[in-house]
Amino acid sequence: WYRQASGKEREWVATITPAGSTNYADSVKGRFTMSRDNTKNTVYLQMN
């Protein structure tokens, strides 16, 4: 997942690997969670 605010550069937010490991940008760590549902071929970003 990446994000781009108006007038700013696109920045990386989160990654999930084939093994299921995740990592996050410091700005969202502890608040955002990346996950996936393989049966739906869909990835998610839960933002709290």
ModelCIF file with pLDDT and N, C-alpha, C, O atoms, coordinates in Angstrom:
data_MODEL
#
_entry.id   MODEL 
#
_entity.id                         1 
_entity.type                       polymer 
_entity.pdbx_number_of_molecules   1 
#
_entity_poly.entity_id                      1 
_entity_poly.type                           'polypeptide(L)' 
_entity_poly.nstd_linkage                   no 
_entity_poly.nstd_monomer                   no 
_entity_poly.pdbx_seq_one_letter_code       WYRQASGKEREWVATITPAGSTNYADSVKGRFTMSRDNTKNTVYLQMN 
_entity_poly.pdbx_seq_one_letter_code_can   WYRQASGKEREWVATITPAGSTNYADSVKGRFTMSRDNTKNTVYLQMN 
_entity_poly.pdbx_strand_id                 A 
#
loop_
_entity_poly_seq.entity_id 
_entity_poly_seq.num 
_entity_poly_seq.mon_id 
_entity_poly_seq.hetero 
1 1  TRP n 
1 2  TYR n 
1 3  ARG n 
1 4  GLN n 
1 5  ALA n 
1 6  SER n 
1 7  GLY n 
1 8  LYS n 
1 9  GLU n 
1 10 ARG n 
1 11 GLU n 
1 12 TRP n 
1 13 VAL n 
1 14 ALA n 
1 15 THR n 
1 16 ILE n 
1 17 THR n 
1 18 PRO n 
1 19 ALA n 
1 20 GLY n 
1 21 SER n 
1 22 THR n 
1 23 ASN n 
1 24 TYR n 
1 25 ALA n 
1 26 ASP n 
1 27 SER n 
1 28 VAL n 
1 29 LYS n 
1 30 GLY n 
1 31 ARG n 
1 32 PHE n 
1 33 THR n 
1 34 MET n 
1 35 SER n 
1 36 ARG n 
1 37 ASP n 
1 38 ASN n 
1 39 THR n 
1 40 LYS n 
1 41 ASN n 
1 42 THR n 
1 43 VAL n 
1 44 TYR n 
1 45 LEU n 
1 46 GLN n 
1 47 MET n 
1 48 ASN n 
#
_struct_asym.id          A 
_struct_asym.entity_id   1 
#
loop_
_ma_qa_metric.id 
_ma_qa_metric.mode 
_ma_qa_metric.name 
_ma_qa_metric.software_group_id 
_ma_qa_metric.type 
1 global pLDDT . pLDDT 
2 local  pLDDT . pLDDT 
#
_ma_qa_metric_global.metric_id      1 
_ma_qa_metric_global.metric_value   97.56 
_ma_qa_metric_global.model_id       1 
_ma_qa_metric_global.ordinal_id     1 
#
loop_
_ma_qa_metric_local.label_asym_id 
_ma_qa_metric_local.label_comp_id 
_ma_qa_metric_local.label_seq_id 
_ma_qa_metric_local.metric_id 
_ma_qa_metric_local.metric_value 
_ma_qa_metric_local.model_id 
_ma_qa_metric_local.ordinal_id 
A TRP 1  2 98.00 1 1  
A TYR 2  2 98.00 1 2  
A ARG 3  2 98.00 1 3  
A GLN 4  2 98.00 1 4  
A ALA 5  2 98.00 1 5  
A SER 6  2 96.00 1 6  
A GLY 7  2 97.00 1 7  
A LYS 8  2 97.00 1 8  
A GLU 9  2 98.00 1 9  
A ARG 10 2 97.00 1 10 
A GLU 11 2 98.00 1 11 
A TRP 12 2 98.00 1 12 
A VAL 13 2 98.00 1 13 
A ALA 14 2 98.00 1 14 
A THR 15 2 98.00 1 15 
A ILE 16 2 98.00 1 16 
A THR 17 2 97.00 1 17 
A PRO 18 2 96.00 1 18 
A ALA 19 2 96.00 1 19 
A GLY 20 2 96.00 1 20 
A SER 21 2 97.00 1 21 
A THR 22 2 98.00 1 22 
A ASN 23 2 98.00 1 23 
A TYR 24 2 98.00 1 24 
A ALA 25 2 98.00 1 25 
A ASP 26 2 98.00 1 26 
A SER 27 2 98.00 1 27 
A VAL 28 2 98.00 1 28 
A LYS 29 2 98.00 1 29 
A GLY 30 2 98.00 1 30 
A ARG 31 2 98.00 1 31 
A PHE 32 2 98.00 1 32 
A THR 33 2 98.00 1 33 
A MET 34 2 98.00 1 34 
A SER 35 2 98.00 1 35 
A ARG 36 2 97.00 1 36 
A ASP 37 2 97.00 1 37 
A ASN 38 2 96.00 1 38 
A THR 39 2 96.00 1 39 
A LYS 40 2 97.00 1 40 
A ASN 41 2 97.00 1 41 
A THR 42 2 98.00 1 42 
A VAL 43 2 98.00 1 43 
A TYR 44 2 98.00 1 44 
A LEU 45 2 98.00 1 45 
A GLN 46 2 98.00 1 46 
A MET 47 2 98.00 1 47 
A ASN 48 2 98.00 1 48 
#
loop_
_atom_site.group_PDB 
_atom_site.id 
_atom_site.type_symbol 
_atom_site.label_atom_id 
_atom_site.label_alt_id 
_atom_site.label_comp_id 
_atom_site.label_asym_id 
_atom_site.label_entity_id 
_atom_site.label_seq_id 
_atom_site.pdbx_PDB_ins_code 
_atom_site.Cartn_x 
_atom_site.Cartn_y 
_atom_site.Cartn_z 
_atom_site.occupancy 
_atom_site.B_iso_or_equiv 
_atom_site.pdbx_formal_charge 
_atom_site.auth_seq_id 
_atom_site.auth_comp_id 
_atom_site.auth_asym_id 
_atom_site.auth_atom_id 
_atom_site.pdbx_PDB_model_num 
ATOM 1   N N  . TRP A 1 1  ? 0.846   -1.182  0.000  1.00 98.00 ? 1  TRP A N  1 
ATOM 2   C CA . TRP A 1 1  ? 0.000   0.000   0.000  1.00 98.00 ? 1  TRP A CA 1 
ATOM 3   C C  . TRP A 1 1  ? 0.886   1.238   0.000  1.00 98.00 ? 1  TRP A C  1 
ATOM 4   O O  . TRP A 1 1  ? 1.880   1.315   0.723  1.00 98.00 ? 1  TRP A O  1 
ATOM 5   N N  . TYR A 1 2  ? 0.507   2.193   -0.819 1.00 98.00 ? 2  TYR A N  1 
ATOM 6   C CA . TYR A 1 2  ? 1.117   3.509   -0.858 1.00 98.00 ? 2  TYR A CA 1 
ATOM 7   C C  . TYR A 1 2  ? 0.027   4.555   -0.697 1.00 98.00 ? 2  TYR A C  1 
ATOM 8   O O  . TYR A 1 2  ? -1.162  4.262   -0.828 1.00 98.00 ? 2  TYR A O  1 
ATOM 9   N N  . ARG A 1 3  ? 0.447   5.767   -0.414 1.00 98.00 ? 3  ARG A N  1 
ATOM 10  C CA . ARG A 1 3  ? -0.506  6.865   -0.383 1.00 98.00 ? 3  ARG A CA 1 
ATOM 11  C C  . ARG A 1 3  ? 0.155   8.122   -0.922 1.00 98.00 ? 3  ARG A C  1 
ATOM 12  O O  . ARG A 1 3  ? 1.375   8.279   -0.877 1.00 98.00 ? 3  ARG A O  1 
ATOM 13  N N  . GLN A 1 4  ? -0.674  8.999   -1.426 1.00 98.00 ? 4  GLN A N  1 
ATOM 14  C CA . GLN A 1 4  ? -0.184  10.256  -1.965 1.00 98.00 ? 4  GLN A CA 1 
ATOM 15  C C  . GLN A 1 4  ? -1.151  11.366  -1.579 1.00 98.00 ? 4  GLN A C  1 
ATOM 16  O O  . GLN A 1 4  ? -2.295  11.405  -2.033 1.00 98.00 ? 4  GLN A O  1 
ATOM 17  N N  . ALA A 1 5  ? -0.671  12.259  -0.738 1.00 98.00 ? 5  ALA A N  1 
ATOM 18  C CA . ALA A 1 5  ? -1.443  13.437  -0.370 1.00 98.00 ? 5  ALA A CA 1 
ATOM 19  C C  . ALA A 1 5  ? -1.293  14.493  -1.450 1.00 98.00 ? 5  ALA A C  1 
ATOM 20  O O  . ALA A 1 5  ? -0.307  14.514  -2.187 1.00 98.00 ? 5  ALA A O  1 
ATOM 21  N N  . SER A 1 6  ? -2.274  15.359  -1.532 1.00 96.00 ? 6  SER A N  1 
ATOM 22  C CA . SER A 1 6  ? -2.264  16.409  -2.545 1.00 96.00 ? 6  SER A CA 1 
ATOM 23  C C  . SER A 1 6  ? -0.998  17.242  -2.443 1.00 96.00 ? 6  SER A C  1 
ATOM 24  O O  . SER A 1 6  ? -0.661  17.752  -1.375 1.00 96.00 ? 6  SER A O  1 
ATOM 25  N N  . GLY A 1 7  ? -0.304  17.374  -3.559 1.00 97.00 ? 7  GLY A N  1 
ATOM 26  C CA . GLY A 1 7  ? 0.903   18.176  -3.607 1.00 97.00 ? 7  GLY A CA 1 
ATOM 27  C C  . GLY A 1 7  ? 2.138   17.527  -3.028 1.00 97.00 ? 7  GLY A C  1 
ATOM 28  O O  . GLY A 1 7  ? 3.184   18.171  -2.951 1.00 97.00 ? 7  GLY A O  1 
ATOM 29  N N  . LYS A 1 8  ? 2.054   16.277  -2.620 1.00 97.00 ? 8  LYS A N  1 
ATOM 30  C CA . LYS A 1 8  ? 3.180   15.587  -2.019 1.00 97.00 ? 8  LYS A CA 1 
ATOM 31  C C  . LYS A 1 8  ? 3.551   14.348  -2.826 1.00 97.00 ? 8  LYS A C  1 
ATOM 32  O O  . LYS A 1 8  ? 2.787   13.881  -3.670 1.00 97.00 ? 8  LYS A O  1 
ATOM 33  N N  . GLU A 1 9  ? 4.734   13.834  -2.547 1.00 98.00 ? 9  GLU A N  1 
ATOM 34  C CA . GLU A 1 9  ? 5.187   12.630  -3.222 1.00 98.00 ? 9  GLU A CA 1 
ATOM 35  C C  . GLU A 1 9  ? 4.479   11.399  -2.669 1.00 98.00 ? 9  GLU A C  1 
ATOM 36  O O  . GLU A 1 9  ? 4.057   11.364  -1.513 1.00 98.00 ? 9  GLU A O  1 
ATOM 37  N N  . ARG A 1 10 ? 4.364   10.404  -3.518 1.00 97.00 ? 10 ARG A N  1 
ATOM 38  C CA . ARG A 1 10 ? 3.791   9.143   -3.085 1.00 97.00 ? 10 ARG A CA 1 
ATOM 39  C C  . ARG A 1 10 ? 4.731   8.468   -2.089 1.00 97.00 ? 10 ARG A C  1 
ATOM 40  O O  . ARG A 1 10 ? 5.944   8.427   -2.296 1.00 97.00 ? 10 ARG A O  1 
ATOM 41  N N  . GLU A 1 11 ? 4.162   7.944   -1.012 1.00 98.00 ? 11 GLU A N  1 
ATOM 42  C CA . GLU A 1 11 ? 4.968   7.310   0.011  1.00 98.00 ? 11 GLU A CA 1 
ATOM 43  C C  . GLU A 1 11 ? 4.469   5.897   0.297  1.00 98.00 ? 11 GLU A C  1 
ATOM 44  O O  . GLU A 1 11 ? 3.272   5.616   0.230  1.00 98.00 ? 11 GLU A O  1 
ATOM 45  N N  . TRP A 1 12 ? 5.395   5.034   0.609  1.00 98.00 ? 12 TRP A N  1 
ATOM 46  C CA . TRP A 1 12 ? 5.081   3.680   0.973  1.00 98.00 ? 12 TRP A CA 1 
ATOM 47  C C  . TRP A 1 12 ? 4.445   3.625   2.353  1.00 98.00 ? 12 TRP A C  1 
ATOM 48  O O  . TRP A 1 12 ? 4.854   4.349   3.262  1.00 98.00 ? 12 TRP A O  1 
ATOM 49  N N  . VAL A 1 13 ? 3.444   2.767   2.509  1.00 98.00 ? 13 VAL A N  1 
ATOM 50  C CA . VAL A 1 13 ? 2.711   2.655   3.761  1.00 98.00 ? 13 VAL A CA 1 
ATOM 51  C C  . VAL A 1 13 ? 2.912   1.294   4.412  1.00 98.00 ? 13 VAL A C  1 
ATOM 52  O O  . VAL A 1 13 ? 3.234   1.217   5.598  1.00 98.00 ? 13 VAL A O  1 
ATOM 53  N N  . ALA A 1 14 ? 2.725   0.214   3.648  1.00 98.00 ? 14 ALA A N  1 
ATOM 54  C CA . ALA A 1 14 ? 2.754   -1.122  4.236  1.00 98.00 ? 14 ALA A CA 1 
ATOM 55  C C  . ALA A 1 14 ? 3.055   -2.155  3.173  1.00 98.00 ? 14 ALA A C  1 
ATOM 56  O O  . ALA A 1 14 ? 2.824   -1.930  1.985  1.00 98.00 ? 14 ALA A O  1 
ATOM 57  N N  . THR A 1 15 ? 3.575   -3.299  3.613  1.00 98.00 ? 15 THR A N  1 
ATOM 58  C CA . THR A 1 15 ? 3.888   -4.426  2.745  1.00 98.00 ? 15 THR A CA 1 
ATOM 59  C C  . THR A 1 15 ? 3.449   -5.718  3.411  1.00 98.00 ? 15 THR A C  1 
ATOM 60  O O  . THR A 1 15 ? 3.565   -5.872  4.627  1.00 98.00 ? 15 THR A O  1 
ATOM 61  N N  . ILE A 1 16 ? 2.951   -6.634  2.616  1.00 98.00 ? 16 ILE A N  1 
ATOM 62  C CA . ILE A 1 16 ? 2.754   -8.008  3.067  1.00 98.00 ? 16 ILE A CA 1 
ATOM 63  C C  . ILE A 1 16 ? 3.433   -8.924  2.067  1.00 98.00 ? 16 ILE A C  1 
ATOM 64  O O  . ILE A 1 16 ? 3.269   -8.762  0.858  1.00 98.00 ? 16 ILE A O  1 
ATOM 65  N N  . THR A 1 17 ? 4.197   -9.887  2.568  1.00 97.00 ? 17 THR A N  1 
ATOM 66  C CA . THR A 1 17 ? 4.969   -10.788 1.732  1.00 97.00 ? 17 THR A CA 1 
ATOM 67  C C  . THR A 1 17 ? 4.192   -12.073 1.469  1.00 97.00 ? 17 THR A C  1 
ATOM 68  O O  . THR A 1 17 ? 3.183   -12.331 2.126  1.00 97.00 ? 17 THR A O  1 
ATOM 69  N N  . PRO A 1 18 ? 4.655   -12.885 0.508  1.00 96.00 ? 18 PRO A N  1 
ATOM 70  C CA . PRO A 1 18 ? 4.006   -14.193 0.302  1.00 96.00 ? 18 PRO A CA 1 
ATOM 71  C C  . PRO A 1 18 ? 4.009   -15.058 1.552  1.00 96.00 ? 18 PRO A C  1 
ATOM 72  O O  . PRO A 1 18 ? 3.104   -15.872 1.736  1.00 96.00 ? 18 PRO A O  1 
ATOM 73  N N  . ALA A 1 19 ? 5.001   -14.901 2.408  1.00 96.00 ? 19 ALA A N  1 
ATOM 74  C CA . ALA A 1 19 ? 5.058   -15.654 3.652  1.00 96.00 ? 19 ALA A CA 1 
ATOM 75  C C  . ALA A 1 19 ? 4.118   -15.107 4.712  1.00 96.00 ? 19 ALA A C  1 
ATOM 76  O O  . ALA A 1 19 ? 3.927   -15.738 5.751  1.00 96.00 ? 19 ALA A O  1 
ATOM 77  N N  . GLY A 1 20 ? 3.531   -13.948 4.468  1.00 96.00 ? 20 GLY A N  1 
ATOM 78  C CA . GLY A 1 20 ? 2.583   -13.374 5.396  1.00 96.00 ? 20 GLY A CA 1 
ATOM 79  C C  . GLY A 1 20 ? 3.156   -12.360 6.360  1.00 96.00 ? 20 GLY A C  1 
ATOM 80  O O  . GLY A 1 20 ? 2.427   -11.822 7.194  1.00 96.00 ? 20 GLY A O  1 
ATOM 81  N N  . SER A 1 21 ? 4.440   -12.089 6.265  1.00 97.00 ? 21 SER A N  1 
ATOM 82  C CA . SER A 1 21 ? 5.022   -11.089 7.142  1.00 97.00 ? 21 SER A CA 1 
ATOM 83  C C  . SER A 1 21 ? 4.642   -9.695  6.662  1.00 97.00 ? 21 SER A C  1 
ATOM 84  O O  . SER A 1 21 ? 4.435   -9.471  5.470  1.00 97.00 ? 21 SER A O  1 
ATOM 85  N N  . THR A 1 22 ? 4.555   -8.772  7.593  1.00 98.00 ? 22 THR A N  1 
ATOM 86  C CA . THR A 1 22 ? 4.171   -7.400  7.282  1.00 98.00 ? 22 THR A CA 1 
ATOM 87  C C  . THR A 1 22 ? 5.176   -6.426  7.849  1.00 98.00 ? 22 THR A C  1 
ATOM 88  O O  . THR A 1 22 ? 5.863   -6.723  8.826  1.00 98.00 ? 22 THR A O  1 
ATOM 89  N N  . ASN A 1 23 ? 5.258   -5.271  7.237  1.00 98.00 ? 23 ASN A N  1 
ATOM 90  C CA . ASN A 1 23 ? 6.003   -4.171  7.805  1.00 98.00 ? 23 ASN A CA 1 
ATOM 91  C C  . ASN A 1 23 ? 5.348   -2.865  7.376  1.00 98.00 ? 23 ASN A C  1 
ATOM 92  O O  . ASN A 1 23 ? 4.626   -2.805  6.381  1.00 98.00 ? 23 ASN A O  1 
ATOM 93  N N  . TYR A 1 24 ? 5.624   -1.810  8.165  1.00 98.00 ? 24 TYR A N  1 
ATOM 94  C CA . TYR A 1 24 ? 4.877   -0.572  8.039  1.00 98.00 ? 24 TYR A CA 1 
ATOM 95  C C  . TYR A 1 24 ? 5.791   0.629   8.133  1.00 98.00 ? 24 TYR A C  1 
ATOM 96  O O  . TYR A 1 24 ? 6.852   0.586   8.757  1.00 98.00 ? 24 TYR A O  1 
ATOM 97  N N  . ALA A 1 25 ? 5.358   1.692   7.505  1.00 98.00 ? 25 ALA A N  1 
ATOM 98  C CA . ALA A 1 25 ? 6.036   2.958   7.683  1.00 98.00 ? 25 ALA A CA 1 
ATOM 99  C C  . ALA A 1 25 ? 5.872   3.416   9.126  1.00 98.00 ? 25 ALA A C  1 
ATOM 100 O O  . ALA A 1 25 ? 4.858   3.138   9.765  1.00 98.00 ? 25 ALA A O  1 
ATOM 101 N N  . ASP A 1 26 ? 6.875   4.118   9.630  1.00 98.00 ? 26 ASP A N  1 
ATOM 102 C CA . ASP A 1 26 ? 6.822   4.585   11.010 1.00 98.00 ? 26 ASP A CA 1 
ATOM 103 C C  . ASP A 1 26 ? 5.589   5.447   11.278 1.00 98.00 ? 26 ASP A C  1 
ATOM 104 O O  . ASP A 1 26 ? 5.052   5.437   12.386 1.00 98.00 ? 26 ASP A O  1 
ATOM 105 N N  . SER A 1 27 ? 5.151   6.179   10.285 1.00 98.00 ? 27 SER A N  1 
ATOM 106 C CA . SER A 1 27 ? 4.037   7.092   10.465 1.00 98.00 ? 27 SER A CA 1 
ATOM 107 C C  . SER A 1 27 ? 2.710   6.387   10.737 1.00 98.00 ? 27 SER A C  1 
ATOM 108 O O  . SER A 1 27 ? 1.786   6.995   11.275 1.00 98.00 ? 27 SER A O  1 
ATOM 109 N N  . VAL A 1 28 ? 2.610   5.113   10.370 1.00 98.00 ? 28 VAL A N  1 
ATOM 110 C CA . VAL A 1 28 ? 1.360   4.381   10.553 1.00 98.00 ? 28 VAL A CA 1 
ATOM 111 C C  . VAL A 1 28 ? 1.509   3.180   11.469 1.00 98.00 ? 28 VAL A C  1 
ATOM 112 O O  . VAL A 1 28 ? 0.514   2.532   11.793 1.00 98.00 ? 28 VAL A O  1 
ATOM 113 N N  . LYS A 1 29 ? 2.709   2.873   11.889 1.00 98.00 ? 29 LYS A N  1 
ATOM 114 C CA . LYS A 1 29 ? 2.957   1.705   12.725 1.00 98.00 ? 29 LYS A CA 1 
ATOM 115 C C  . LYS A 1 29 ? 2.151   1.794   14.014 1.00 98.00 ? 29 LYS A C  1 
ATOM 116 O O  . LYS A 1 29 ? 2.133   2.826   14.684 1.00 98.00 ? 29 LYS A O  1 
ATOM 117 N N  . GLY A 1 30 ? 1.491   0.699   14.345 1.00 98.00 ? 30 GLY A N  1 
ATOM 118 C CA . GLY A 1 30 ? 0.657   0.655   15.526 1.00 98.00 ? 30 GLY A CA 1 
ATOM 119 C C  . GLY A 1 30 ? -0.771  1.076   15.285 1.00 98.00 ? 30 GLY A C  1 
ATOM 120 O O  . GLY A 1 30 ? -1.634  0.847   16.132 1.00 98.00 ? 30 GLY A O  1 
ATOM 121 N N  . ARG A 1 31 ? -1.041  1.689   14.143 1.00 98.00 ? 31 ARG A N  1 
ATOM 122 C CA . ARG A 1 31 ? -2.387  2.140   13.812 1.00 98.00 ? 31 ARG A CA 1 
ATOM 123 C C  . ARG A 1 31 ? -2.978  1.395   12.624 1.00 98.00 ? 31 ARG A C  1 
ATOM 124 O O  . ARG A 1 31 ? -4.184  1.152   12.579 1.00 98.00 ? 31 ARG A O  1 
ATOM 125 N N  . PHE A 1 32 ? -2.138  1.031   11.665 1.00 98.00 ? 32 PHE A N  1 
ATOM 126 C CA . PHE A 1 32 ? -2.591  0.360   10.447 1.00 98.00 ? 32 PHE A CA 1 
ATOM 127 C C  . PHE A 1 32 ? -2.167  -1.104  10.478 1.00 98.00 ? 32 PHE A C  1 
ATOM 128 O O  . PHE A 1 32 ? -1.121  -1.447  11.029 1.00 98.00 ? 32 PHE A O  1 
ATOM 129 N N  . THR A 1 33 ? -2.987  -1.955  9.885  1.00 98.00 ? 33 THR A N  1 
ATOM 130 C CA . THR A 1 33 ? -2.690  -3.373  9.790  1.00 98.00 ? 33 THR A CA 1 
ATOM 131 C C  . THR A 1 33 ? -3.019  -3.867  8.391  1.00 98.00 ? 33 THR A C  1 
ATOM 132 O O  . THR A 1 33 ? -4.131  -3.670  7.900  1.00 98.00 ? 33 THR A O  1 
ATOM 133 N N  . MET A 1 34 ? -2.055  -4.505  7.758  1.00 98.00 ? 34 MET A N  1 
ATOM 134 C CA . MET A 1 34 ? -2.275  -5.077  6.445  1.00 98.00 ? 34 MET A CA 1 
ATOM 135 C C  . MET A 1 34 ? -2.558  -6.567  6.580  1.00 98.00 ? 34 MET A C  1 
ATOM 136 O O  . MET A 1 34 ? -1.958  -7.249  7.411  1.00 98.00 ? 34 MET A O  1 
ATOM 137 N N  . SER A 1 35 ? -3.470  -7.063  5.764  1.00 98.00 ? 35 SER A N  1 
ATOM 138 C CA . SER A 1 35 ? -3.830  -8.468  5.800  1.00 98.00 ? 35 SER A CA 1 
ATOM 139 C C  . SER A 1 35 ? -4.293  -8.891  4.415  1.00 98.00 ? 35 SER A C  1 
ATOM 140 O O  . SER A 1 35 ? -4.359  -8.077  3.494  1.00 98.00 ? 35 SER A O  1 
ATOM 141 N N  . ARG A 1 36 ? -4.612  -10.163 4.280  1.00 97.00 ? 36 ARG A N  1 
ATOM 142 C CA . ARG A 1 36 ? -5.110  -10.655 2.998  1.00 97.00 ? 36 ARG A CA 1 
ATOM 143 C C  . ARG A 1 36 ? -6.066  -11.803 3.214  1.00 97.00 ? 36 ARG A C  1 
ATOM 144 O O  . ARG A 1 36 ? -6.008  -12.508 4.221  1.00 97.00 ? 36 ARG A O  1 
ATOM 145 N N  . ASP A 1 37 ? -6.943  -11.976 2.252  1.00 97.00 ? 37 ASP A N  1 
ATOM 146 C CA . ASP A 1 37 ? -7.862  -13.103 2.212  1.00 97.00 ? 37 ASP A CA 1 
ATOM 147 C C  . ASP A 1 37 ? -7.585  -13.827 0.905  1.00 97.00 ? 37 ASP A C  1 
ATOM 148 O O  . ASP A 1 37 ? -8.010  -13.382 -0.161 1.00 97.00 ? 37 ASP A O  1 
ATOM 149 N N  . ASN A 1 38 ? -6.881  -14.929 0.988  1.00 96.00 ? 38 ASN A N  1 
ATOM 150 C CA . ASN A 1 38 ? -6.456  -15.626 -0.217 1.00 96.00 ? 38 ASN A CA 1 
ATOM 151 C C  . ASN A 1 38 ? -7.632  -16.216 -0.993 1.00 96.00 ? 38 ASN A C  1 
ATOM 152 O O  . ASN A 1 38 ? -7.557  -16.356 -2.213 1.00 96.00 ? 38 ASN A O  1 
ATOM 153 N N  . THR A 1 39 ? -8.709  -16.560 -0.301 1.00 96.00 ? 39 THR A N  1 
ATOM 154 C CA . THR A 1 39 ? -9.871  -17.099 -0.992 1.00 96.00 ? 39 THR A CA 1 
ATOM 155 C C  . THR A 1 39 ? -10.540 -16.049 -1.856 1.00 96.00 ? 39 THR A C  1 
ATOM 156 O O  . THR A 1 39 ? -11.211 -16.383 -2.833 1.00 96.00 ? 39 THR A O  1 
ATOM 157 N N  . LYS A 1 40 ? -10.367 -14.788 -1.508 1.00 97.00 ? 40 LYS A N  1 
ATOM 158 C CA . LYS A 1 40 ? -10.954 -13.689 -2.266 1.00 97.00 ? 40 LYS A CA 1 
ATOM 159 C C  . LYS A 1 40 ? -9.938  -12.972 -3.148 1.00 97.00 ? 40 LYS A C  1 
ATOM 160 O O  . LYS A 1 40 ? -10.290 -12.057 -3.892 1.00 97.00 ? 40 LYS A O  1 
ATOM 161 N N  . ASN A 1 41 ? -8.666  -13.393 -3.062 1.00 97.00 ? 41 ASN A N  1 
ATOM 162 C CA . ASN A 1 41 ? -7.601  -12.755 -3.830 1.00 97.00 ? 41 ASN A CA 1 
ATOM 163 C C  . ASN A 1 41 ? -7.598  -11.241 -3.570 1.00 97.00 ? 41 ASN A C  1 
ATOM 164 O O  . ASN A 1 41 ? -7.491  -10.431 -4.491 1.00 97.00 ? 41 ASN A O  1 
ATOM 165 N N  . THR A 1 42 ? -7.717  -10.897 -2.301 1.00 98.00 ? 42 THR A N  1 
ATOM 166 C CA . THR A 1 42 ? -7.871  -9.511  -1.890 1.00 98.00 ? 42 THR A CA 1 
ATOM 167 C C  . THR A 1 42 ? -6.945  -9.212  -0.722 1.00 98.00 ? 42 THR A C  1 
ATOM 168 O O  . THR A 1 42 ? -6.774  -10.040 0.173  1.00 98.00 ? 42 THR A O  1 
ATOM 169 N N  . VAL A 1 43 ? -6.354  -8.037  -0.733 1.00 98.00 ? 43 VAL A N  1 
ATOM 170 C CA . VAL A 1 43 ? -5.575  -7.560  0.399  1.00 98.00 ? 43 VAL A CA 1 
ATOM 171 C C  . VAL A 1 43 ? -6.287  -6.362  1.008  1.00 98.00 ? 43 VAL A C  1 
ATOM 172 O O  . VAL A 1 43 ? -7.060  -5.676  0.339  1.00 98.00 ? 43 VAL A O  1 
ATOM 173 N N  . TYR A 1 44 ? -6.016  -6.119  2.287  1.00 98.00 ? 44 TYR A N  1 
ATOM 174 C CA . TYR A 1 44 ? -6.717  -5.098  3.043  1.00 98.00 ? 44 TYR A CA 1 
ATOM 175 C C  . TYR A 1 44 ? -5.737  -4.206  3.786  1.00 98.00 ? 44 TYR A C  1 
ATOM 176 O O  . TYR A 1 44 ? -4.595  -4.580  4.052  1.00 98.00 ? 44 TYR A O  1 
ATOM 177 N N  . LEU A 1 45 ? -6.210  -3.038  4.104  1.00 98.00 ? 45 LEU A N  1 
ATOM 178 C CA . LEU A 1 45 ? -5.496  -2.148  5.000  1.00 98.00 ? 45 LEU A CA 1 
ATOM 179 C C  . LEU A 1 45 ? -6.494  -1.632  6.026  1.00 98.00 ? 45 LEU A C  1 
ATOM 180 O O  . LEU A 1 45 ? -7.344  -0.797  5.718  1.00 98.00 ? 45 LEU A O  1 
ATOM 181 N N  . GLN A 1 46 ? -6.380  -2.137  7.246  1.00 98.00 ? 46 GLN A N  1 
ATOM 182 C CA . GLN A 1 46 ? -7.211  -1.669  8.342  1.00 98.00 ? 46 GLN A CA 1 
ATOM 183 C C  . GLN A 1 46 ? -6.554  -0.442  8.947  1.00 98.00 ? 46 GLN A C  1 
ATOM 184 O O  . GLN A 1 46 ? -5.406  -0.500  9.387  1.00 98.00 ? 46 GLN A O  1 
ATOM 185 N N  . MET A 1 47 ? -7.270  0.654   8.970  1.00 98.00 ? 47 MET A N  1 
ATOM 186 C CA . MET A 1 47 ? -6.739  1.934   9.406  1.00 98.00 ? 47 MET A CA 1 
ATOM 187 C C  . MET A 1 47 ? -7.508  2.375   10.645 1.00 98.00 ? 47 MET A C  1 
ATOM 188 O O  . MET A 1 47 ? -8.709  2.639   10.579 1.00 98.00 ? 47 MET A O  1 
ATOM 189 N N  . ASN A 1 48 ? -6.813  2.453   11.765 1.00 98.00 ? 48 ASN A N  1 
ATOM 190 C CA . ASN A 1 48 ? -7.403  2.874   13.026 1.00 98.00 ? 48 ASN A CA 1 
ATOM 191 C C  . ASN A 1 48 ? -6.732  4.141   13.515 1.00 98.00 ? 48 ASN A C  1 
ATOM 192 O O  . ASN A 1 48 ? -7.091  4.661   14.571 1.00 98.00 ? 48 ASN A O  1 
#
